[in-house]
């Protein structure tokens, strides 16, 4: 019975990174696309970013949340400057944690800027 309960819970909301794109004429935009491969809808309510996996700060917060339907993807754009830096730097690695209103967070995703 425990195994069946775990499977059902995992199927509810399951986040996966689809893409993280750094762009902008002044290195001032980061686009984060997240897919919900689960069976239940959720909302993205917070995104944390850091220049290490232990130095994470909030860069997106919306208690109403960005709707992320089951089986679909949603994109959120982070603008720079923010509390981490004035602009993203080429070849630096940044870490992201995406927090849904329900289900497990997608934690400590590393992504290198071009």
C-alpha atoms as a PDB file:
ATOM      1  CA  UNK A   1       0.000   0.000   0.000  1.00  0.00           C
ATOM      2  CA  UNK A   2       2.819   2.471   0.753  1.00  0.00           C
ATOM      3  CA  UNK A   3       4.216   2.064  -2.777  1.00  0.00           C
ATOM      4  CA  UNK A   4       0.835   2.855  -4.369  1.00  0.00           C
ATOM      5  CA  UNK A   5       0.480   5.994  -2.202  1.00  0.00           C
ATOM      6  CA  UNK A   6       3.913   7.245  -3.258  1.00  0.00           C
ATOM      7  CA  UNK A   7       3.148   6.685  -6.930  1.00  0.00           C
ATOM      8  CA  UNK A   8      -0.112   8.620  -6.668  1.00  0.00           C
ATOM      9  CA  UNK A   9       1.578  11.536  -4.902  1.00  0.00           C
ATOM     10  CA  UNK A  10       4.352  11.763  -7.500  1.00  0.00           C
ATOM     11  CA  UNK A  11       1.804  11.760 -10.327  1.00  0.00           C
ATOM     12  CA  UNK A  12      -0.010  14.805  -8.837  1.00  0.00           C
ATOM     13  CA  UNK A  13       2.484  17.611  -9.622  1.00  0.00           C
ATOM     14  CA  UNK A  14       5.845  16.847 -11.163  1.00  0.00           C
ATOM     15  CA  UNK A  15       8.041  19.694 -12.369  1.00  0.00           C
ATOM     16  CA  UNK A  16      10.794  19.383 -14.961  1.00  0.00           C
ATOM     17  CA  UNK A  17      13.088  22.027 -16.415  1.00  0.00           C
ATOM     18  CA  UNK A  18      12.292  22.466 -20.084  1.00  0.00           C
ATOM     19  CA  UNK A  19      14.629  25.385 -20.831  1.00  0.00           C
ATOM     20  CA  UNK A  20      16.566  28.236 -19.244  1.00  0.00           C
ATOM     21  CA  UNK A  21      17.654  30.952 -21.653  1.00  0.00           C
ATOM     22  CA  UNK A  22      19.884  33.940 -20.903  1.00  0.00           C
ATOM     23  CA  UNK A  23      19.468  36.800 -23.374  1.00  0.00           C
ATOM     24  CA  UNK A  24      18.991  40.535 -23.848  1.00  0.00           C
ATOM     25  CA  UNK A  25      21.163  43.274 -25.336  1.00  0.00           C
ATOM     26  CA  UNK A  26      22.468  44.178 -21.883  1.00  0.00           C
ATOM     27  CA  UNK A  27      22.479  40.621 -20.455  1.00  0.00           C
ATOM     28  CA  UNK A  28      19.325  41.612 -18.635  1.00  0.00           C
ATOM     29  CA  UNK A  29      16.820  38.773 -19.157  1.00  0.00           C
ATOM     30  CA  UNK A  30      16.547  35.129 -18.146  1.00  0.00           C
ATOM     31  CA  UNK A  31      13.653  33.033 -19.406  1.00  0.00           C
ATOM     32  CA  UNK A  32      12.742  29.931 -17.372  1.00  0.00           C
ATOM     33  CA  UNK A  33      10.386  27.353 -18.882  1.00  0.00           C
ATOM     34  CA  UNK A  34       9.054  24.632 -16.582  1.00  0.00           C
ATOM     35  CA  UNK A  35       6.874  21.664 -17.545  1.00  0.00           C
ATOM     36  CA  UNK A  36       4.398  19.889 -15.262  1.00  0.00           C
ATOM     37  CA  UNK A  37       4.447  16.221 -16.273  1.00  0.00           C
ATOM     38  CA  UNK A  38       2.066  15.347 -13.443  1.00  0.00           C
ATOM     39  CA  UNK A  39      -1.696  14.854 -13.465  1.00  0.00           C
ATOM     40  CA  UNK A  40      -2.747  17.893 -11.375  1.00  0.00           C
ATOM     41  CA  UNK A  41      -2.565  21.630 -12.007  1.00  0.00           C
ATOM     42  CA  UNK A  42      -0.368  23.869  -9.858  1.00  0.00           C
ATOM     43  CA  UNK A  43       0.980  27.409  -9.830  1.00  0.00           C
ATOM     44  CA  UNK A  44       4.566  28.652  -9.786  1.00  0.00           C
ATOM     45  CA  UNK A  45       4.731  30.944  -6.753  1.00  0.00           C
ATOM     46  CA  UNK A  46       8.478  31.507  -6.222  1.00  0.00           C
ATOM     47  CA  UNK A  47      11.795  31.203  -8.013  1.00  0.00           C
ATOM     48  CA  UNK A  48      15.127  31.383  -6.221  1.00  0.00           C
ATOM     49  CA  UNK A  49      18.436  31.980  -7.993  1.00  0.00           C
ATOM     50  CA  UNK A  50      22.041  31.992  -6.865  1.00  0.00           C
ATOM     51  CA  UNK A  51      25.616  31.917  -8.104  1.00  0.00           C
ATOM     52  CA  UNK A  52      26.124  28.768  -5.983  1.00  0.00           C
ATOM     53  CA  UNK A  53      23.691  26.084  -4.859  1.00  0.00           C
ATOM     54  CA  UNK A  54      23.833  27.401  -1.288  1.00  0.00           C
ATOM     55  CA  UNK A  55      23.526  31.127  -2.083  1.00  0.00           C
ATOM     56  CA  UNK A  56      19.910  31.303  -3.286  1.00  0.00           C
ATOM     57  CA  UNK A  57      17.792  34.458  -3.147  1.00  0.00           C
ATOM     58  CA  UNK A  58      14.204  35.087  -4.277  1.00  0.00           C
ATOM     59  CA  UNK A  59      13.978  36.645  -7.759  1.00  0.00           C
ATOM     60  CA  UNK A  60      10.303  35.901  -8.448  1.00  0.00           C
ATOM     61  CA  UNK A  61       7.425  35.883  -5.992  1.00  0.00           C
ATOM     62  CA  UNK A  62       3.727  35.819  -6.848  1.00  0.00           C
ATOM     63  CA  UNK A  63       1.352  34.410  -4.248  1.00  0.00           C
ATOM     64  CA  UNK A  64      -1.407  34.200  -6.895  1.00  0.00           C
ATOM     65  CA  UNK A  65       1.039  32.162  -8.965  1.00  0.00           C
ATOM     66  CA  UNK A  66       1.666  31.522 -12.641  1.00  0.00           C
ATOM     67  CA  UNK A  67      -0.742  28.732 -13.655  1.00  0.00           C
ATOM     68  CA  UNK A  68       0.967  25.515 -14.718  1.00  0.00           C
ATOM     69  CA  UNK A  69      -1.581  22.990 -15.949  1.00  0.00           C
ATOM     70  CA  UNK A  70      -0.970  19.247 -15.876  1.00  0.00           C
ATOM     71  CA  UNK A  71       0.911  18.219 -19.012  1.00  0.00           C
ATOM     72  CA  UNK A  72       1.791  21.768 -20.043  1.00  0.00           C
ATOM     73  CA  UNK A  73       4.650  24.246 -19.725  1.00  0.00           C
ATOM     74  CA  UNK A  74       4.874  27.811 -18.453  1.00  0.00           C
ATOM     75  CA  UNK A  75       7.536  30.465 -18.959  1.00  0.00           C
ATOM     76  CA  UNK A  76       8.577  33.129 -16.459  1.00  0.00           C
ATOM     77  CA  UNK A  77      11.022  35.914 -17.319  1.00  0.00           C
ATOM     78  CA  UNK A  78      13.474  37.137 -14.680  1.00  0.00           C
ATOM     79  CA  UNK A  79      14.805  40.649 -15.216  1.00  0.00           C
ATOM     80  CA  UNK A  80      18.230  41.997 -14.282  1.00  0.00           C
ATOM     81  CA  UNK A  81      19.367  43.931 -12.332  1.00  0.00           C
ATOM     82  CA  UNK A  82      18.042  42.017  -9.352  1.00  0.00           C
ATOM     83  CA  UNK A  83      19.294  41.322  -5.827  1.00  0.00           C
ATOM     84  CA  UNK A  84      21.884  38.849  -7.162  1.00  0.00           C
ATOM     85  CA  UNK A  85      23.653  41.059  -9.727  1.00  0.00           C
ATOM     86  CA  UNK A  86      23.260  43.888 -12.235  1.00  0.00           C
ATOM     87  CA  UNK A  87      23.416  41.492 -15.200  1.00  0.00           C
ATOM     88  CA  UNK A  88      24.149  37.858 -15.893  1.00  0.00           C
ATOM     89  CA  UNK A  89      27.751  37.154 -16.835  1.00  0.00           C
ATOM     90  CA  UNK A  90      28.815  35.016 -19.756  1.00  0.00           C
ATOM     91  CA  UNK A  91      30.016  31.510 -18.806  1.00  0.00           C
ATOM     92  CA  UNK A  92      28.919  31.894 -15.155  1.00  0.00           C
ATOM     93  CA  UNK A  93      26.808  29.099 -13.724  1.00  0.00           C
ATOM     94  CA  UNK A  94      23.591  30.094 -11.955  1.00  0.00           C
ATOM     95  CA  UNK A  95      21.407  27.851  -9.798  1.00  0.00           C
ATOM     96  CA  UNK A  96      17.598  27.885  -9.756  1.00  0.00           C
ATOM     97  CA  UNK A  97      14.881  26.494  -7.491  1.00  0.00           C
ATOM     98  CA  UNK A  98      11.272  26.630  -8.708  1.00  0.00           C
ATOM     99  CA  UNK A  99       8.556  26.439  -6.038  1.00  0.00           C
ATOM    100  CA  UNK A 100       4.980  25.403  -6.893  1.00  0.00           C
ATOM    101  CA  UNK A 101       1.902  26.106  -4.767  1.00  0.00           C
ATOM    102  CA  UNK A 102       1.473  22.339  -4.393  1.00  0.00           C
ATOM    103  CA  UNK A 103       3.828  19.455  -4.978  1.00  0.00           C
ATOM    104  CA  UNK A 104       7.585  19.268  -4.606  1.00  0.00           C
ATOM    105  CA  UNK A 105       9.939  22.095  -5.595  1.00  0.00           C
ATOM    106  CA  UNK A 106      12.342  21.623  -8.481  1.00  0.00           C
ATOM    107  CA  UNK A 107      15.559  22.317  -6.600  1.00  0.00           C
ATOM    108  CA  UNK A 108      19.066  23.516  -7.366  1.00  0.00           C
ATOM    109  CA  UNK A 109      19.105  23.351 -11.167  1.00  0.00           C
ATOM    110  CA  UNK A 110      22.484  24.509 -12.523  1.00  0.00           C
ATOM    111  CA  UNK A 111      22.572  26.421 -15.809  1.00  0.00           C
ATOM    112  CA  UNK A 112      25.539  28.106 -17.466  1.00  0.00           C
ATOM    113  CA  UNK A 113      25.067  31.450 -19.204  1.00  0.00           C
ATOM    114  CA  UNK A 114      26.322  31.480 -22.816  1.00  0.00           C
END
